[in-house]
Amino acid sequence: MIVLIPAYEPGRRLEPVVADLFAADPDVEVVVVDDGSGPAFAPTFALVAASGATVLRHEANRGKAAALRTGLDHALAEHPGDDVVTADADGQHTVTDILRVADALREDAAAATPALILGCRGFSGRVPLRSRAGNAVARGVFRLAAGWRLSDTQTGLRGIPSGLIAWVRDQPGERFAYEQNVLLRCRRDGVATRELPIETVYLDGNASSHFRPVADSLRIMLPLLLFAGSSLLAFGLDTVLLLALHALTGMLVPSIIAARVVSASVNFAVNRRVVFRAGSTGSPTGQGRTLRLAGARSAELPRQALRYAVLAVALLASNVVWLDALTRYGLPLVVAKIATEAVLFVTSYGVQRSFVFGVQPARAELSTGADARHSNRIAATTRLDSNEHPIGRNP
C-alpha cells in the first residue's frame, strides 16, 4: 500500500503526518513529491526522507496534477500491483482517515469489487462560510454536469485500486483541474466509486485552500457549457442551410429535412468528439487498457448514431406535444417555447451523457484479484525523468 503526498512549499505538518503514518502502519510505503518547492524547503523534505519516505523532486513547480502523475508513475514502475492512497500535505487529512481509506481498498480487493474510494467530509460543526458555501455550490454543479451525486467534490483523499492507477494517471487536465476531470469521467468510463466519511479539518481558517467557488464551478460546468455551444452551432447551421436551400429550390419541407440532417450530423460529431469525448483515445501509456477502451468506443459508433437518431425523434415529438399542451392551457407561444426548450435541453444533455455516448467498459479489465499485493516495501527507486530525483528510504 502506497500513500502518495504531493507537496509544494509544505508547512510544519508534513513531517509529523509521515512519521505518524509509519508509526501506525509500518508496512505502508509513503511517497512524497516535492513539486519544485526550492532550497528553502529542503530541510523539511530531508526530515521526511529521514522518517523513511521516498521523496521525488521536480526541479520547478509543475502543479498538483504533474506531482500526482509523477507519484503514480513511480507506483506503476516500482510497486506494480500496489494500491495508492493520495493525501494532501497540509494536514487536513488525518492519519486515521488515510489508513481507513487504505483499509477500504484492501476490503474491496478481498471482495473483488475494486472502486475509487473518496474520503468525503461532512462539513458539519465549525466550517468556514467560504468553504461551506463553496462546496454546496460545487456539489450542485457537479451533479448537474456529471450526472451523479458526490458529497465532497474537492476531496484530495482518494484510494486508487492498482488496476485503476493507469486510468487515473491518463486523465487530462493540469493542476487542480486534473482531479476534477478524474471525477467527471468516472461514470463515462464505468469506474465505480464509493464514499468514505472522514473528519472535517480546517486549519488557520482554511487559508491553504485553493478552491475558487466561481472559477472551479465553471470548470465543472464545462461539459454543459460545451453542450450549449454545440447546440447553438447546430441551430445556426440549421437556420443558414434552411434559408439557403429554400432559396435555391423553393421547396420548404425537403429543405427543412436536408438542413436538419446536416445540422444533426454535425451536432452528433461535435458532441461525440468534444463535449462527451466518447471517441477519445486518451494517452497511449495506459498499459493496454486505454487502447482497449478506444477500440470499444470505435465499435460503439453505429450504436451511438442510432441512439442519437432515436433521441432526436423523441425530442421532436416531445417538443410538439409539450408546445401543444402548454398553449392549450393558455400560455403564450413564446413562453411555452422557452419553457419546453429549457426542459428538453437538460433532458437531452442527460440522455446523451448517460445513454447515447455513455461507455461501460468491461470491469474485468481491472485488476480485481484478492491476491494482488497491498504492501510491497521496495526501497529502491529509479529516476523517472530528468526533472525527478528520488531519495530512497533509509534502511
Protein backbone atom coordinates (compact mmCIF):
# COMPACT_ATOMS: atom_id res chain seq x y z
CA MET A 1 0.00 0.00 0.00
CA ILE A 2 1.39 3.38 -1.05
CA VAL A 3 0.45 6.75 0.39
CA LEU A 4 1.18 9.46 -2.18
CA ILE A 5 1.51 13.05 -0.94
CA PRO A 6 2.16 15.87 -3.46
CA ALA A 7 3.75 18.83 -1.69
CA TYR A 8 4.58 22.38 -2.72
CA GLU A 9 6.21 24.57 -0.10
CA PRO A 10 4.83 22.42 2.73
CA GLY A 11 4.34 23.70 6.27
CA ARG A 12 5.33 22.13 9.55
CA ARG A 13 2.59 19.47 9.43
CA LEU A 14 4.02 17.28 6.68
CA GLU A 15 6.80 15.57 8.61
CA PRO A 16 4.61 14.62 11.63
CA VAL A 17 1.98 13.14 9.31
CA VAL A 18 4.60 10.98 7.58
CA ALA A 19 6.13 9.88 10.88
CA ASP A 20 2.69 9.04 12.31
CA LEU A 21 1.81 7.01 9.23
CA PHE A 22 4.87 4.80 9.70
CA ALA A 23 4.15 4.50 13.41
CA ALA A 24 0.55 3.43 12.77
CA ASP A 25 1.31 1.09 9.85
CA PRO A 26 4.98 0.09 9.42
CA ASP A 27 4.17 -1.75 6.17
CA VAL A 28 2.93 1.33 4.34
CA GLU A 29 5.07 2.99 1.68
CA VAL A 30 4.99 6.80 1.74
CA VAL A 31 5.94 8.67 -1.42
CA VAL A 32 6.22 12.47 -1.22
CA VAL A 33 6.61 14.53 -4.40
CA ASP A 34 8.42 17.84 -3.90
CA ASP A 35 6.82 19.92 -6.62
CA GLY A 36 9.64 22.45 -7.04
CA SER A 37 9.45 23.90 -3.53
CA GLY A 38 13.02 25.21 -3.74
CA PRO A 39 16.07 25.19 -1.44
CA ALA A 40 14.23 26.89 1.44
CA PHE A 41 12.15 23.75 1.94
CA ALA A 42 14.96 21.24 1.55
CA PRO A 43 15.23 20.72 5.35
CA THR A 44 11.54 19.76 5.50
CA PHE A 45 11.93 17.14 2.80
CA ALA A 46 15.16 15.92 4.41
CA LEU A 47 13.20 15.24 7.61
CA VAL A 48 10.51 13.45 5.60
CA ALA A 49 13.15 11.26 3.93
CA ALA A 50 14.80 10.60 7.29
CA SER A 51 11.42 9.39 8.57
CA GLY A 52 11.50 6.70 5.90
CA ALA A 53 9.58 8.21 2.99
CA THR A 54 10.64 8.19 -0.64
CA VAL A 55 10.96 11.75 -1.91
CA LEU A 56 10.68 12.53 -5.63
CA ARG A 57 11.63 16.00 -6.79
CA HIS A 58 10.59 18.36 -9.57
CA GLU A 59 13.21 20.98 -10.31
CA ALA A 60 10.47 23.59 -10.89
CA ASN A 61 6.86 23.87 -9.81
CA ARG A 62 4.65 21.99 -12.27
CA GLY A 63 1.36 21.85 -10.37
CA LYS A 64 -0.54 19.22 -8.41
CA ALA A 65 -1.53 17.22 -11.49
CA ALA A 66 2.10 16.75 -12.53
CA ALA A 67 3.08 15.84 -8.96
CA LEU A 68 0.32 13.22 -8.77
CA ARG A 69 1.30 11.78 -12.15
CA THR A 70 4.94 11.58 -11.06
CA GLY A 71 3.91 9.64 -7.97
CA LEU A 72 1.59 7.34 -9.93
CA ASP A 73 4.33 6.67 -12.49
CA HIS A 74 6.61 5.74 -9.60
CA ALA A 75 3.96 3.39 -8.20
CA LEU A 76 3.48 1.68 -11.56
CA ALA A 77 7.23 1.30 -12.10
CA GLU A 78 8.42 0.40 -8.61
CA HIS A 79 5.37 -1.12 -6.92
CA PRO A 80 3.24 -2.82 -9.59
CA GLY A 81 0.11 -4.31 -8.07
CA ASP A 82 0.03 -1.98 -5.06
CA ASP A 83 -2.92 0.30 -4.38
CA VAL A 84 -2.38 4.03 -3.86
CA VAL A 85 -3.91 6.47 -1.38
CA THR A 86 -3.47 10.15 -2.27
CA ALA A 87 -3.48 12.71 0.55
CA ASP A 88 -2.79 16.42 0.89
CA ALA A 89 0.34 17.80 2.52
CA ASP A 90 -1.37 20.49 4.61
CA GLY A 91 -2.50 18.24 7.46
CA GLN A 92 -6.22 18.36 6.65
CA HIS A 93 -6.28 14.60 6.22
CA THR A 94 -5.72 12.77 9.49
CA VAL A 95 -3.56 9.68 9.70
CA THR A 96 -6.59 7.74 10.92
CA ASP A 97 -8.61 8.67 7.85
CA ILE A 98 -5.73 7.97 5.46
CA LEU A 99 -5.39 4.46 6.86
CA ARG A 100 -9.18 3.96 6.80
CA VAL A 101 -9.11 4.64 3.06
CA ALA A 102 -6.25 2.14 2.75
CA ASP A 103 -8.28 -0.45 4.66
CA ALA A 104 -11.27 0.19 2.39
CA LEU A 105 -9.08 -0.57 -0.64
CA ARG A 106 -7.99 -3.84 0.96
CA GLU A 107 -11.60 -4.77 1.72
CA ASP A 108 -12.67 -4.08 -1.86
CA ALA A 109 -9.77 -6.10 -3.23
CA ALA A 110 -10.65 -9.04 -0.99
CA ALA A 111 -14.24 -8.88 -2.25
CA ALA A 112 -13.08 -8.48 -5.89
CA THR A 113 -15.07 -5.23 -6.17
CA PRO A 114 -12.44 -2.52 -6.77
CA ALA A 115 -13.68 1.05 -6.64
CA LEU A 116 -12.25 4.53 -6.42
CA ILE A 117 -12.53 5.39 -2.70
CA LEU A 118 -13.37 9.02 -1.97
CA GLY A 119 -12.80 10.35 1.53
CA CYS A 120 -15.67 12.81 1.91
CA ARG A 121 -16.04 15.47 4.60
CA GLY A 122 -19.41 16.07 6.22
CA PHE A 123 -18.98 19.87 6.53
CA SER A 124 -20.57 19.82 9.96
CA GLY A 125 -19.58 21.84 13.01
CA ARG A 126 -17.42 24.96 12.73
CA VAL A 127 -16.81 25.15 8.99
CA PRO A 128 -15.68 28.46 7.40
CA LEU A 129 -18.55 30.07 5.49
CA ARG A 130 -16.45 30.26 2.33
CA SER A 131 -15.87 26.52 2.42
CA ARG A 132 -19.45 25.59 3.33
CA ALA A 133 -21.00 27.79 0.62
CA GLY A 134 -18.38 26.93 -1.98
CA ASN A 135 -18.76 23.19 -1.55
CA ALA A 136 -22.57 23.44 -1.60
CA VAL A 137 -22.38 25.22 -4.95
CA ALA A 138 -19.80 22.76 -6.26
CA ARG A 139 -21.92 19.76 -5.26
CA GLY A 140 -24.95 21.07 -7.14
CA VAL A 141 -22.97 21.99 -10.22
CA PHE A 142 -21.13 18.66 -10.19
CA ARG A 143 -24.36 16.66 -10.01
CA LEU A 144 -25.79 18.56 -12.98
CA ALA A 145 -22.63 18.19 -15.06
CA ALA A 146 -21.56 14.66 -14.09
CA GLY A 147 -24.96 13.05 -13.52
CA TRP A 148 -24.26 11.58 -10.09
CA ARG A 149 -24.22 12.82 -6.53
CA LEU A 150 -20.96 13.37 -4.65
CA SER A 151 -20.94 14.95 -1.21
CA ASP A 152 -17.37 16.34 -1.40
CA THR A 153 -16.18 17.27 -4.88
CA GLN A 154 -12.94 18.83 -3.60
CA THR A 155 -11.55 15.88 -1.67
CA GLY A 156 -7.89 15.07 -2.22
CA LEU A 157 -8.06 11.94 -0.06
CA ARG A 158 -8.66 9.18 -2.56
CA GLY A 159 -7.99 5.47 -2.69
CA ILE A 160 -6.95 4.18 -6.11
CA PRO A 161 -7.03 0.41 -6.74
CA SER A 162 -3.95 -0.88 -8.53
CA GLY A 163 -5.96 -1.68 -11.65
CA LEU A 164 -7.15 1.93 -11.92
CA ILE A 165 -3.81 3.69 -11.45
CA ALA A 166 -3.06 3.88 -15.19
CA TRP A 167 -6.58 5.15 -15.90
CA VAL A 168 -6.31 7.87 -13.24
CA ARG A 169 -2.83 8.83 -14.41
CA ASP A 170 -4.02 9.26 -18.02
CA GLN A 171 -6.90 11.63 -17.36
CA PRO A 172 -6.48 15.09 -18.95
CA GLY A 173 -6.01 18.40 -17.18
CA GLU A 174 -3.36 20.26 -15.26
CA ARG A 175 -3.04 21.49 -11.70
CA PHE A 176 -6.29 21.22 -9.71
CA ALA A 177 -8.47 20.73 -12.83
CA TYR A 178 -6.97 17.26 -13.18
CA GLU A 179 -8.61 15.94 -10.01
CA GLN A 180 -11.99 17.26 -11.14
CA ASN A 181 -11.60 15.59 -14.53
CA VAL A 182 -10.99 12.24 -12.86
CA LEU A 183 -14.34 12.54 -11.07
CA LEU A 184 -16.20 13.85 -14.12
CA ARG A 185 -15.10 10.85 -16.20
CA CYS A 186 -15.83 8.08 -13.71
CA ARG A 187 -19.36 7.31 -14.85
CA ARG A 188 -18.46 7.74 -18.52
CA ASP A 189 -15.74 5.10 -18.26
CA GLY A 190 -17.62 2.73 -15.98
CA VAL A 191 -15.41 3.36 -12.96
CA ALA A 192 -17.14 2.52 -9.70
CA THR A 193 -16.80 4.94 -6.78
CA ARG A 194 -17.78 4.88 -3.14
CA GLU A 195 -17.64 7.47 -0.40
CA LEU A 196 -15.99 7.04 2.96
CA PRO A 197 -16.89 9.65 5.62
CA ILE A 198 -13.85 11.40 7.05
CA GLU A 199 -13.22 14.09 9.62
CA THR A 200 -13.64 17.71 8.55
CA VAL A 201 -10.42 19.52 9.49
CA TYR A 202 -9.81 23.20 8.80
CA LEU A 203 -6.52 24.76 9.79
CA ASP A 204 -5.91 28.51 10.04
CA GLY A 205 -9.38 29.29 8.71
CA ASN A 206 -8.75 27.05 5.69
CA ALA A 207 -6.16 29.55 4.44
CA SER A 208 -4.39 26.81 2.49
CA SER A 209 -7.44 26.01 0.35
CA HIS A 210 -7.03 26.51 -3.39
CA PHE A 211 -10.77 26.19 -4.04
CA ARG A 212 -12.29 29.08 -6.01
CA PRO A 213 -16.11 28.77 -5.96
CA VAL A 214 -16.81 30.66 -9.20
CA ALA A 215 -13.84 29.53 -11.31
CA ASP A 216 -13.96 25.91 -10.15
CA SER A 217 -17.73 25.69 -10.59
CA LEU A 218 -17.38 26.99 -14.14
CA ARG A 219 -14.69 24.39 -14.78
CA ILE A 220 -17.01 21.64 -13.55
CA MET A 221 -19.75 23.07 -15.76
CA LEU A 222 -17.51 22.95 -18.84
CA PRO A 223 -19.22 19.89 -20.41
CA LEU A 224 -22.62 21.55 -20.04
CA LEU A 225 -21.29 24.83 -21.47
CA LEU A 226 -19.74 22.95 -24.40
CA PHE A 227 -23.06 21.19 -24.95
CA ALA A 228 -24.82 24.55 -25.06
CA GLY A 229 -22.26 25.82 -27.57
CA SER A 230 -22.70 22.72 -29.70
CA SER A 231 -26.47 23.19 -29.66
CA LEU A 232 -26.14 26.83 -30.71
CA LEU A 233 -23.78 25.81 -33.51
CA ALA A 234 -26.30 23.25 -34.75
CA PHE A 235 -29.12 25.80 -34.54
CA GLY A 236 -27.15 28.37 -36.53
CA LEU A 237 -26.12 25.84 -39.17
CA ASP A 238 -29.68 24.53 -39.44
CA THR A 239 -31.04 28.04 -39.94
CA VAL A 240 -28.46 29.04 -42.57
CA LEU A 241 -28.90 25.81 -44.53
CA LEU A 242 -32.68 26.06 -44.39
CA LEU A 243 -32.66 29.58 -45.80
CA ALA A 244 -30.07 28.72 -48.47
CA LEU A 245 -31.76 25.51 -49.63
CA HIS A 246 -35.21 27.09 -49.68
CA ALA A 247 -33.86 29.99 -51.72
CA LEU A 248 -32.27 27.57 -54.21
CA THR A 249 -35.09 25.04 -54.52
CA GLY A 250 -38.24 26.83 -53.43
CA MET A 251 -39.29 23.63 -51.59
CA LEU A 252 -39.81 24.08 -47.85
CA VAL A 253 -40.24 20.55 -46.49
CA PRO A 254 -37.25 18.99 -48.34
CA SER A 255 -35.16 22.00 -47.29
CA ILE A 256 -36.17 21.52 -43.64
CA ILE A 257 -35.29 17.81 -43.76
CA ALA A 258 -31.94 18.32 -45.51
CA ALA A 259 -30.89 21.14 -43.18
CA ARG A 260 -31.87 19.13 -40.11
CA VAL A 261 -29.96 16.04 -41.27
CA VAL A 262 -26.78 18.05 -41.85
CA SER A 263 -27.03 20.07 -38.62
CA ALA A 264 -27.86 16.96 -36.58
CA SER A 265 -24.87 15.12 -38.07
CA VAL A 266 -22.55 17.99 -37.15
CA ASN A 267 -24.08 18.17 -33.66
CA PHE A 268 -23.59 14.42 -33.20
CA ALA A 269 -19.92 14.61 -34.25
CA VAL A 270 -19.16 17.63 -32.05
CA ASN A 271 -20.90 16.12 -29.01
CA ARG A 272 -19.14 12.80 -29.50
CA ARG A 273 -15.65 14.16 -30.06
CA VAL A 274 -15.65 17.30 -27.93
CA VAL A 275 -18.49 17.53 -25.42
CA PHE A 276 -18.63 13.93 -24.17
CA ARG A 277 -15.31 12.79 -25.68
CA ALA A 278 -16.75 9.36 -26.41
CA GLY A 279 -14.33 8.94 -29.30
CA SER A 280 -11.18 9.99 -27.49
CA THR A 281 -8.37 7.53 -27.19
CA GLY A 282 -6.60 9.03 -24.21
CA SER A 283 -2.94 8.57 -23.54
CA PRO A 284 -1.09 5.63 -25.11
CA THR A 285 0.60 4.93 -21.77
CA GLY A 286 -2.40 3.29 -20.15
CA GLN A 287 -0.82 -0.19 -20.24
CA GLY A 288 -3.26 -1.57 -22.80
CA ARG A 289 -6.46 -0.62 -21.01
CA THR A 290 -6.72 2.74 -22.78
CA LEU A 291 -6.22 1.10 -26.18
CA ARG A 292 -8.91 -1.50 -25.46
CA LEU A 293 -11.22 1.28 -24.33
CA ALA A 294 -10.54 3.24 -27.53
CA GLY A 295 -11.38 0.16 -29.61
CA ALA A 296 -14.60 -0.31 -27.71
CA ARG A 297 -15.55 3.31 -28.37
CA SER A 298 -14.90 2.97 -32.10
CA ALA A 299 -17.10 -0.12 -32.20
CA GLU A 300 -19.80 1.88 -30.42
CA LEU A 301 -20.10 4.47 -33.22
CA PRO A 302 -23.01 2.82 -35.11
CA ARG A 303 -24.93 2.20 -31.89
CA GLN A 304 -24.29 5.76 -30.73
CA ALA A 305 -25.57 7.13 -34.04
CA LEU A 306 -28.71 5.01 -33.75
CA ARG A 307 -29.32 6.13 -30.16
CA TYR A 308 -28.80 9.73 -31.18
CA ALA A 309 -31.32 9.37 -34.01
CA VAL A 310 -33.87 7.81 -31.66
CA LEU A 311 -33.31 10.63 -29.17
CA ALA A 312 -33.70 13.28 -31.88
CA VAL A 313 -37.05 11.82 -32.94
CA ALA A 314 -38.19 11.55 -29.31
CA LEU A 315 -37.20 15.15 -28.59
CA LEU A 316 -39.01 16.37 -31.69
CA ALA A 317 -42.16 14.51 -30.68
CA SER A 318 -41.87 15.81 -27.10
CA ASN A 319 -41.45 19.34 -28.40
CA VAL A 320 -44.68 19.11 -30.38
CA VAL A 321 -46.63 17.51 -27.51
CA TRP A 322 -45.48 20.00 -24.87
CA LEU A 323 -45.96 23.05 -27.07
CA ASP A 324 -49.47 21.93 -27.92
CA ALA A 325 -50.32 21.19 -24.29
CA LEU A 326 -48.92 24.42 -22.87
CA THR A 327 -50.52 26.64 -25.48
CA ARG A 328 -53.87 24.88 -24.91
CA TYR A 329 -53.56 25.82 -21.23
CA GLY A 330 -53.25 29.45 -22.25
CA LEU A 331 -49.50 30.09 -22.20
CA PRO A 332 -48.22 32.42 -24.91
CA LEU A 333 -46.34 30.57 -27.64
CA VAL A 334 -43.04 32.30 -26.87
CA VAL A 335 -43.25 31.41 -23.16
CA ALA A 336 -44.25 27.84 -23.98
CA LYS A 337 -41.38 27.53 -26.45
CA ILE A 338 -38.79 28.81 -23.95
CA ALA A 339 -40.05 26.52 -21.17
CA THR A 340 -40.16 23.50 -23.47
CA GLU A 341 -36.70 24.08 -24.92
CA ALA A 342 -35.18 24.58 -21.45
CA VAL A 343 -36.57 21.28 -20.17
CA LEU A 344 -35.62 19.40 -23.32
CA PHE A 345 -32.12 20.92 -23.27
CA VAL A 346 -31.41 19.50 -19.82
CA THR A 347 -33.10 16.21 -20.76
CA SER A 348 -31.09 15.91 -23.96
CA TYR A 349 -27.83 16.59 -22.14
CA GLY A 350 -28.52 13.93 -19.52
CA VAL A 351 -29.64 11.31 -22.04
CA GLN A 352 -26.69 11.94 -24.36
CA ARG A 353 -24.23 11.82 -21.46
CA SER A 354 -25.53 8.60 -19.93
CA PHE A 355 -27.20 6.75 -22.83
CA VAL A 356 -26.10 7.95 -26.25
CA PHE A 357 -22.40 8.42 -25.51
CA GLY A 358 -22.12 6.57 -22.21
CA VAL A 359 -19.36 3.96 -22.26
CA GLN A 360 -19.37 0.97 -19.92
CA PRO A 361 -16.09 -0.92 -20.41
CA ALA A 362 -15.82 -4.41 -19.04
CA ARG A 363 -14.84 -4.31 -15.42
CA ALA A 364 -12.83 -7.47 -15.94
CA GLU A 365 -10.09 -5.27 -17.38
CA LEU A 366 -9.30 -4.04 -13.88
CA SER A 367 -7.08 -5.98 -11.50
CA THR A 368 -9.64 -7.41 -9.13
CA GLY A 369 -7.91 -10.44 -7.75
CA ALA A 370 -7.78 -10.70 -4.00
CA ASP A 371 -4.20 -11.90 -4.28
CA ALA A 372 -2.96 -8.53 -5.56
CA ARG A 373 -0.18 -7.15 -3.38
CA HIS A 374 -1.12 -4.42 -0.94
CA SER A 375 2.15 -3.83 0.83
CA ASN A 376 5.37 -4.06 -1.08
CA ARG A 377 8.22 -2.45 0.75
CA ILE A 378 10.72 -1.98 -2.05
CA ALA A 379 13.20 0.66 -1.03
CA ALA A 380 15.00 1.09 -4.33
CA THR A 381 13.84 3.86 -6.60
CA THR A 382 14.66 4.84 -10.11
CA ARG A 383 14.89 8.11 -11.93
CA LEU A 384 11.58 8.81 -13.67
CA ASP A 385 12.77 11.64 -15.89
CA SER A 386 15.42 14.30 -15.94
CA ASN A 387 13.47 16.53 -13.53
CA GLU A 388 12.75 13.94 -10.85
CA HIS A 389 15.31 12.85 -8.31
CA PRO A 390 14.20 10.16 -5.88
CA ILE A 391 15.60 9.84 -2.42
CA GLY A 392 15.28 6.27 -1.21
CA ARG A 393 14.04 5.22 2.21
CA ASN A 394 16.73 4.90 4.82
CA PRO A 395 17.47 1.29 5.77
